[in-house]
Amino acid sequence: MQIMELYFYEDCEYSQIVIHTISKLKILDKITFKDIRLNPDYAKELEDLTGNITVPCLLKEEGFIKEAKEIRKYLVSNFM
């Protein structure tokens, strides 16, 4: 089973769109949530990975997806 990581922060409306999609698809157990505001190490990881700290960002085996609508599209097409 592929484990994915979601870089986000609670107040970000785009992050909330992705979190809502994850919840509706009932795949919470497939995602590791990394709140970059609660843990500065996650922000550093994200910056090292992508060159910035823009959220939401979904990290998966094949790489990362940065736009909320693209993340949502990926999740729906793979887990619906």
PDB file of N, CA and C in Angstrom:
ATOM      1  N   MET A   1       0.846  -1.191   0.000  1.00  0.00           N
ATOM      2  CA  MET A   1       0.000   0.000   0.000  1.00  0.00           C
ATOM      3  C   MET A   1       0.887   1.249   0.000  1.00  0.00           C
ATOM      4  N   GLN A   2       0.561   2.148  -0.868  1.00  0.00           N
ATOM      5  CA  GLN A   2       1.323   3.388  -0.986  1.00  0.00           C
ATOM      6  C   GLN A   2       0.896   4.378   0.100  1.00  0.00           C
ATOM      7  N   ILE A   3       1.863   4.868   0.852  1.00  0.00           N
ATOM      8  CA  ILE A   3       1.596   5.915   1.842  1.00  0.00           C
ATOM      9  C   ILE A   3       1.984   7.254   1.222  1.00  0.00           C
ATOM     10  N   MET A   4       1.091   8.220   1.344  1.00  0.00           N
ATOM     11  CA  MET A   4       1.341   9.550   0.802  1.00  0.00           C
ATOM     12  C   MET A   4       1.450  10.542   1.957  1.00  0.00           C
ATOM     13  N   GLU A   5       2.090  11.662   1.694  1.00  0.00           N
ATOM     14  CA  GLU A   5       2.234  12.715   2.697  1.00  0.00           C
ATOM     15  C   GLU A   5       1.600  13.994   2.165  1.00  0.00           C
ATOM     16  N   LEU A   6       0.782  14.617   3.001  1.00  0.00           N
ATOM     17  CA  LEU A   6       0.164  15.887   2.632  1.00  0.00           C
ATOM     18  C   LEU A   6       0.757  16.991   3.497  1.00  0.00           C
ATOM     19  N   TYR A   7       1.441  17.922   2.845  1.00  0.00           N
ATOM     20  CA  TYR A   7       1.923  19.123   3.519  1.00  0.00           C
ATOM     21  C   TYR A   7       0.802  20.152   3.434  1.00  0.00           C
ATOM     22  N   PHE A   8       0.450  20.745   4.570  1.00  0.00           N
ATOM     23  CA  PHE A   8      -0.692  21.650   4.621  1.00  0.00           C
ATOM     24  C   PHE A   8      -0.558  22.543   5.847  1.00  0.00           C
ATOM     25  N   TYR A   9      -1.509  23.467   6.005  1.00  0.00           N
ATOM     26  CA  TYR A   9      -1.752  24.084   7.308  1.00  0.00           C
ATOM     27  C   TYR A   9      -3.238  24.348   7.427  1.00  0.00           C
ATOM     28  N   GLU A  10      -3.698  24.326   8.653  1.00  0.00           N
ATOM     29  CA  GLU A  10      -5.127  24.304   8.971  1.00  0.00           C
ATOM     30  C   GLU A  10      -5.906  25.472   8.376  1.00  0.00           C
ATOM     31  N   ASP A  11      -5.338  26.677   8.392  1.00  0.00           N
ATOM     32  CA  ASP A  11      -6.065  27.874   7.953  1.00  0.00           C
ATOM     33  C   ASP A  11      -6.101  28.054   6.443  1.00  0.00           C
ATOM     34  N   CYS A  12      -5.430  27.205   5.715  1.00  0.00           N
ATOM     35  CA  CYS A  12      -5.367  27.342   4.258  1.00  0.00           C
ATOM     36  C   CYS A  12      -6.620  26.741   3.620  1.00  0.00           C
ATOM     37  N   GLU A  13      -7.387  27.569   2.926  1.00  0.00           N
ATOM     38  CA  GLU A  13      -8.634  27.082   2.329  1.00  0.00           C
ATOM     39  C   GLU A  13      -8.375  26.009   1.273  1.00  0.00           C
ATOM     40  N   TYR A  14      -7.268  26.108   0.557  1.00  0.00           N
ATOM     41  CA  TYR A  14      -6.954  25.107  -0.465  1.00  0.00           C
ATOM     42  C   TYR A  14      -6.583  23.774   0.188  1.00  0.00           C
ATOM     43  N   SER A  15      -5.887  23.839   1.315  1.00  0.00           N
ATOM     44  CA  SER A  15      -5.582  22.624   2.070  1.00  0.00           C
ATOM     45  C   SER A  15      -6.879  21.970   2.543  1.00  0.00           C
ATOM     46  N   GLN A  16      -7.827  22.788   2.976  1.00  0.00           N
ATOM     47  CA  GLN A  16      -9.102  22.252   3.466  1.00  0.00           C
ATOM     48  C   GLN A  16      -9.876  21.525   2.361  1.00  0.00           C
ATOM     49  N   ILE A  17      -9.786  22.013   1.133  1.00  0.00           N
ATOM     50  CA  ILE A  17     -10.429  21.340  -0.006  1.00  0.00           C
ATOM     51  C   ILE A  17      -9.855  19.928  -0.143  1.00  0.00           C
ATOM     52  N   VAL A  18      -8.543  19.814  -0.052  1.00  0.00           N
ATOM     53  CA  VAL A  18      -7.880  18.516  -0.186  1.00  0.00           C
ATOM     54  C   VAL A  18      -8.228  17.604   0.990  1.00  0.00           C
ATOM     55  N   ILE A  19      -8.195  18.145   2.198  1.00  0.00           N
ATOM     56  CA  ILE A  19      -8.517  17.352   3.390  1.00  0.00           C
ATOM     57  C   ILE A  19      -9.956  16.850   3.322  1.00  0.00           C
ATOM     58  N   HIS A  20     -10.854  17.690   2.870  1.00  0.00           N
ATOM     59  CA  HIS A  20     -12.261  17.294   2.718  1.00  0.00           C
ATOM     60  C   HIS A  20     -12.385  16.140   1.709  1.00  0.00           C
ATOM     61  N   THR A  21     -11.665  16.237   0.603  1.00  0.00           N
ATOM     62  CA  THR A  21     -11.683  15.170  -0.409  1.00  0.00           C
ATOM     63  C   THR A  21     -11.147  13.867   0.184  1.00  0.00           C
ATOM     64  N   ILE A  22     -10.052  13.939   0.908  1.00  0.00           N
ATOM     65  CA  ILE A  22      -9.461  12.751   1.544  1.00  0.00           C
ATOM     66  C   ILE A  22     -10.466  12.111   2.498  1.00  0.00           C
ATOM     67  N   SER A  23     -11.147  12.939   3.260  1.00  0.00           N
ATOM     68  CA  SER A  23     -12.138  12.452   4.212  1.00  0.00           C
ATOM     69  C   SER A  23     -13.314  11.774   3.501  1.00  0.00           C
ATOM     70  N   LYS A  24     -13.827  12.426   2.459  1.00  0.00           N
ATOM     71  CA  LYS A  24     -14.961  11.861   1.705  1.00  0.00           C
ATOM     72  C   LYS A  24     -14.600  10.540   1.044  1.00  0.00           C
ATOM     73  N   LEU A  25     -13.357  10.419   0.593  1.00  0.00           N
ATOM     74  CA  LEU A  25     -12.916   9.186  -0.064  1.00  0.00           C
ATOM     75  C   LEU A  25     -12.553   8.095   0.947  1.00  0.00           C
ATOM     76  N   LYS A  26     -12.572   8.464   2.242  1.00  0.00           N
ATOM     77  CA  LYS A  26     -12.254   7.512   3.324  1.00  0.00           C
ATOM     78  C   LYS A  26     -10.861   6.900   3.165  1.00  0.00           C
ATOM     79  N   ILE A  27      -9.891   7.773   2.894  1.00  0.00           N
ATOM     80  CA  ILE A  27      -8.501   7.307   2.725  1.00  0.00           C
ATOM     81  C   ILE A  27      -7.567   7.985   3.731  1.00  0.00           C
ATOM     82  N   LEU A  28      -8.121   8.399   4.864  1.00  0.00           N
ATOM     83  CA  LEU A  28      -7.308   9.059   5.896  1.00  0.00           C
ATOM     84  C   LEU A  28      -6.124   8.193   6.318  1.00  0.00           C
ATOM     85  N   ASP A  29      -6.301   6.869   6.307  1.00  0.00           N
ATOM     86  CA  ASP A  29      -5.242   5.956   6.726  1.00  0.00           C
ATOM     87  C   ASP A  29      -4.115   5.828   5.702  1.00  0.00           C
ATOM     88  N   LYS A  30      -4.318   6.363   4.497  1.00  0.00           N
ATOM     89  CA  LYS A  30      -3.302   6.281   3.453  1.00  0.00           C
ATOM     90  C   LYS A  30      -2.428   7.540   3.395  1.00  0.00           C
ATOM     91  N   ILE A  31      -2.753   8.531   4.218  1.00  0.00           N
ATOM     92  CA  ILE A  31      -2.083   9.832   4.162  1.00  0.00           C
ATOM     93  C   ILE A  31      -1.420  10.143   5.497  1.00  0.00           C
ATOM     94  N   THR A  32      -0.191  10.623   5.438  1.00  0.00           N
ATOM     95  CA  THR A  32       0.468  11.191   6.607  1.00  0.00           C
ATOM     96  C   THR A  32       0.305  12.707   6.485  1.00  0.00           C
ATOM     97  N   PHE A  33      -0.316  13.312   7.479  1.00  0.00           N
ATOM     98  CA  PHE A  33      -0.568  14.753   7.450  1.00  0.00           C
ATOM     99  C   PHE A  33       0.584  15.491   8.117  1.00  0.00           C
ATOM    100  N   LYS A  34       1.106  16.499   7.407  1.00  0.00           N
ATOM    101  CA  LYS A  34       2.242  17.270   7.909  1.00  0.00           C
ATOM    102  C   LYS A  34       1.899  18.762   7.899  1.00  0.00           C
ATOM    103  N   ASP A  35       1.507  19.263   9.067  1.00  0.00           N
ATOM    104  CA  ASP A  35       1.128  20.671   9.213  1.00  0.00           C
ATOM    105  C   ASP A  35       2.405  21.503   9.364  1.00  0.00           C
ATOM    106  N   ILE A  36       2.689  22.313   8.335  1.00  0.00           N
ATOM    107  CA  ILE A  36       3.950  23.068   8.310  1.00  0.00           C
ATOM    108  C   ILE A  36       3.980  24.214   9.315  1.00  0.00           C
ATOM    109  N   ARG A  37       2.832  24.624   9.814  1.00  0.00           N
ATOM    110  CA  ARG A  37       2.816  25.693  10.825  1.00  0.00           C
ATOM    111  C   ARG A  37       2.997  25.125  12.228  1.00  0.00           C
ATOM    112  N   LEU A  38       2.555  23.893  12.466  1.00  0.00           N
ATOM    113  CA  LEU A  38       2.723  23.274  13.779  1.00  0.00           C
ATOM    114  C   LEU A  38       4.115  22.683  13.948  1.00  0.00           C
ATOM    115  N   ASN A  39       4.730  22.293  12.848  1.00  0.00           N
ATOM    116  CA  ASN A  39       6.052  21.680  12.909  1.00  0.00           C
ATOM    117  C   ASN A  39       6.972  22.308  11.856  1.00  0.00           C
ATOM    118  N   PRO A  40       7.882  23.183  12.273  1.00  0.00           N
ATOM    119  CA  PRO A  40       8.785  23.851  11.329  1.00  0.00           C
ATOM    120  C   PRO A  40       9.657  22.880  10.523  1.00  0.00           C
ATOM    121  N   ASP A  41       9.894  21.681  11.068  1.00  0.00           N
ATOM    122  CA  ASP A  41      10.666  20.685  10.321  1.00  0.00           C
ATOM    123  C   ASP A  41       9.945  20.291   9.035  1.00  0.00           C
ATOM    124  N   TYR A  42       8.620  20.239   9.094  1.00  0.00           N
ATOM    125  CA  TYR A  42       7.837  19.905   7.893  1.00  0.00           C
ATOM    126  C   TYR A  42       7.970  21.003   6.841  1.00  0.00           C
ATOM    127  N   ALA A  43       7.989  22.255   7.276  1.00  0.00           N
ATOM    128  CA  ALA A  43       8.165  23.370   6.335  1.00  0.00           C
ATOM    129  C   ALA A  43       9.527  23.259   5.652  1.00  0.00           C
ATOM    130  N   LYS A  44      10.543  22.891   6.423  1.00  0.00           N
ATOM    131  CA  LYS A  44      11.899  22.722   5.866  1.00  0.00           C
ATOM    132  C   LYS A  44      11.917  21.556   4.872  1.00  0.00           C
ATOM    133  N   GLU A  45      11.287  20.438   5.233  1.00  0.00           N
ATOM    134  CA  GLU A  45      11.189  19.288   4.320  1.00  0.00           C
ATOM    135  C   GLU A  45      10.549  19.708   2.998  1.00  0.00           C
ATOM    136  N   LEU A  46       9.440  20.448   3.113  1.00  0.00           N
ATOM    137  CA  LEU A  46       8.701  20.881   1.923  1.00  0.00           C
ATOM    138  C   LEU A  46       9.555  21.794   1.056  1.00  0.00           C
ATOM    139  N   GLU A  47      10.261  22.725   1.689  1.00  0.00           N
ATOM    140  CA  GLU A  47      11.124  23.633   0.940  1.00  0.00           C
ATOM    141  C   GLU A  47      12.258  22.867   0.251  1.00  0.00           C
ATOM    142  N   ASP A  48      12.852  21.909   0.956  1.00  0.00           N
ATOM    143  CA  ASP A  48      13.923  21.100   0.358  1.00  0.00           C
ATOM    144  C   ASP A  48      13.398  20.293  -0.828  1.00  0.00           C
ATOM    145  N   LEU A  49      12.175  19.825  -0.707  1.00  0.00           N
ATOM    146  CA  LEU A  49      11.558  18.983  -1.729  1.00  0.00           C
ATOM    147  C   LEU A  49      11.143  19.769  -2.978  1.00  0.00           C
ATOM    148  N   THR A  50      10.523  20.940  -2.760  1.00  0.00           N
ATOM    149  CA  THR A  50       9.898  21.657  -3.876  1.00  0.00           C
ATOM    150  C   THR A  50      10.500  23.022  -4.170  1.00  0.00           C
ATOM    151  N   GLY A  51      11.329  23.532  -3.266  1.00  0.00           N
ATOM    152  CA  GLY A  51      11.913  24.853  -3.477  1.00  0.00           C
ATOM    153  C   GLY A  51      11.119  25.980  -2.858  1.00  0.00           C
ATOM    154  N   ASN A  52       9.945  25.672  -2.287  1.00  0.00           N
ATOM    155  CA  ASN A  52       9.152  26.684  -1.589  1.00  0.00           C
ATOM    156  C   ASN A  52       8.272  26.004  -0.548  1.00  0.00           C
ATOM    157  N   ILE A  53       7.485  26.795   0.163  1.00  0.00           N
ATOM    158  CA  ILE A  53       6.617  26.213   1.197  1.00  0.00           C
ATOM    159  C   ILE A  53       5.146  26.434   0.866  1.00  0.00           C
ATOM    160  N   THR A  54       4.815  26.351  -0.408  1.00  0.00           N
ATOM    161  CA  THR A  54       3.433  26.497  -0.844  1.00  0.00           C
ATOM    162  C   THR A  54       2.659  25.222  -0.539  1.00  0.00           C
ATOM    163  N   VAL A  55       1.502  25.386   0.103  1.00  0.00           N
ATOM    164  CA  VAL A  55       0.625  24.255   0.393  1.00  0.00           C
ATOM    165  C   VAL A  55      -0.715  24.451  -0.311  1.00  0.00           C
ATOM    166  N   PRO A  56      -1.474  23.402  -0.528  1.00  0.00           N
ATOM    167  CA  PRO A  56      -1.170  22.019  -0.190  1.00  0.00           C
ATOM    168  C   PRO A  56      -0.182  21.396  -1.178  1.00  0.00           C
ATOM    169  N   CYS A  57       0.512  20.382  -0.698  1.00  0.00           N
ATOM    170  CA  CYS A  57       1.428  19.620  -1.542  1.00  0.00           C
ATOM    171  C   CYS A  57       1.303  18.154  -1.149  1.00  0.00           C
ATOM    172  N   LEU A  58       0.997  17.318  -2.108  1.00  0.00           N
ATOM    173  CA  LEU A  58       0.879  15.886  -1.870  1.00  0.00           C
ATOM    174  C   LEU A  58       2.123  15.195  -2.404  1.00  0.00           C
ATOM    175  N   LEU A  59       2.828  14.522  -1.512  1.00  0.00           N
ATOM    176  CA  LEU A  59       4.012  13.764  -1.896  1.00  0.00           C
ATOM    177  C   LEU A  59       3.605  12.304  -2.042  1.00  0.00           C
ATOM    178  N   LYS A  60       3.959  11.722  -3.187  1.00  0.00           N
ATOM    179  CA  LYS A  60       3.694  10.307  -3.434  1.00  0.00           C
ATOM    180  C   LYS A  60       4.948   9.701  -4.038  1.00  0.00           C
ATOM    181  N   GLU A  61       4.951   8.402  -4.246  1.00  0.00           N
ATOM    182  CA  GLU A  61       6.155   7.730  -4.753  1.00  0.00           C
ATOM    183  C   GLU A  61       6.687   8.349  -6.034  1.00  0.00           C
ATOM    184  N   GLU A  62       5.798   8.739  -6.922  1.00  0.00           N
ATOM    185  CA  GLU A  62       6.205   9.246  -8.237  1.00  0.00           C
ATOM    186  C   GLU A  62       6.623  10.715  -8.213  1.00  0.00           C
ATOM    187  N   GLY A  63       6.483  11.373  -7.082  1.00  0.00           N
ATOM    188  CA  GLY A  63       6.824  12.789  -7.005  1.00  0.00           C
ATOM    189  C   GLY A  63       5.783  13.537  -6.204  1.00  0.00           C
ATOM    190  N   PHE A  64       5.609  14.817  -6.511  1.00  0.00           N
ATOM    191  CA  PHE A  64       4.651  15.603  -5.742  1.00  0.00           C
ATOM    192  C   PHE A  64       3.670  16.330  -6.664  1.00  0.00           C
ATOM    193  N   ILE A  65       2.515  16.678  -6.074  1.00  0.00           N
ATOM    194  CA  ILE A  65       1.475  17.453  -6.762  1.00  0.00           C
ATOM    195  C   ILE A  65       1.211  18.671  -5.894  1.00  0.00           C
ATOM    196  N   LYS A  66       1.153  19.868  -6.508  1.00  0.00           N
ATOM    197  CA  LYS A  66       1.073  21.098  -5.721  1.00  0.00           C
ATOM    198  C   LYS A  66      -0.265  21.818  -5.728  1.00  0.00           C
ATOM    199  N   GLU A  67      -1.037  21.744  -6.740  1.00  0.00           N
ATOM    200  CA  GLU A  67      -2.286  22.512  -6.793  1.00  0.00           C
ATOM    201  C   GLU A  67      -3.434  21.720  -6.187  1.00  0.00           C
ATOM    202  N   ALA A  68      -4.285  22.375  -5.384  1.00  0.00           N
ATOM    203  CA  ALA A  68      -5.405  21.688  -4.732  1.00  0.00           C
ATOM    204  C   ALA A  68      -6.274  20.946  -5.744  1.00  0.00           C
ATOM    205  N   LYS A  69      -6.592  21.596  -6.873  1.00  0.00           N
ATOM    206  CA  LYS A  69      -7.471  20.935  -7.849  1.00  0.00           C
ATOM    207  C   LYS A  69      -6.773  19.750  -8.507  1.00  0.00           C
ATOM    208  N   GLU A  70      -5.468  19.826  -8.682  1.00  0.00           N
ATOM    209  CA  GLU A  70      -4.718  18.702  -9.259  1.00  0.00           C
ATOM    210  C   GLU A  70      -4.613  17.549  -8.257  1.00  0.00           C
ATOM    211  N   ILE A  71      -4.405  17.882  -6.986  1.00  0.00           N
ATOM    212  CA  ILE A  71      -4.366  16.862  -5.938  1.00  0.00           C
ATOM    213  C   ILE A  71      -5.720  16.169  -5.863  1.00  0.00           C
ATOM    214  N   ARG A  72      -6.776  16.971  -5.865  1.00  0.00           N
ATOM    215  CA  ARG A  72      -8.137  16.424  -5.789  1.00  0.00           C
ATOM    216  C   ARG A  72      -8.403  15.496  -6.973  1.00  0.00           C
ATOM    217  N   LYS A  73      -8.027  15.934  -8.167  1.00  0.00           N
ATOM    218  CA  LYS A  73      -8.223  15.126  -9.376  1.00  0.00           C
ATOM    219  C   LYS A  73      -7.479  13.793  -9.259  1.00  0.00           C
ATOM    220  N   TYR A  74      -6.242  13.838  -8.780  1.00  0.00           N
ATOM    221  CA  TYR A  74      -5.446  12.622  -8.602  1.00  0.00           C
ATOM    222  C   TYR A  74      -6.113  11.680  -7.608  1.00  0.00           C
ATOM    223  N   LEU A  75      -6.517  12.216  -6.456  1.00  0.00           N
ATOM    224  CA  LEU A  75      -7.130  11.384  -5.416  1.00  0.00           C
ATOM    225  C   LEU A  75      -8.426  10.737  -5.887  1.00  0.00           C
ATOM    226  N   VAL A  76      -9.273  11.526  -6.531  1.00  0.00           N
ATOM    227  CA  VAL A  76     -10.559  11.000  -7.003  1.00  0.00           C
ATOM    228  C   VAL A  76     -10.329   9.930  -8.070  1.00  0.00           C
ATOM    229  N   SER A  77      -9.404  10.166  -8.990  1.00  0.00           N
ATOM    230  CA  SER A  77      -9.189   9.192 -10.065  1.00  0.00           C
ATOM    231  C   SER A  77      -8.517   7.915  -9.567  1.00  0.00           C
ATOM    232  N   ASN A  78      -7.798   7.970  -8.442  1.00  0.00           N
ATOM    233  CA  ASN A  78      -7.096   6.791  -7.946  1.00  0.00           C
ATOM    234  C   ASN A  78      -7.800   6.069  -6.795  1.00  0.00           C
ATOM    235  N   PHE A  79      -8.739   6.733  -6.118  1.00  0.00           N
ATOM    236  CA  PHE A  79      -9.322   6.139  -4.924  1.00  0.00           C
ATOM    237  C   PHE A  79     -10.839   6.115  -4.913  1.00  0.00           C
ATOM    238  N   MET A  80     -11.479   6.490  -5.994  1.00  0.00           N
ATOM    239  CA  MET A  80     -12.934   6.485  -6.031  1.00  0.00           C
ATOM    240  C   MET A  80     -13.458   5.177  -6.537  1.00  0.00           C
TER     241      MET A  80
END
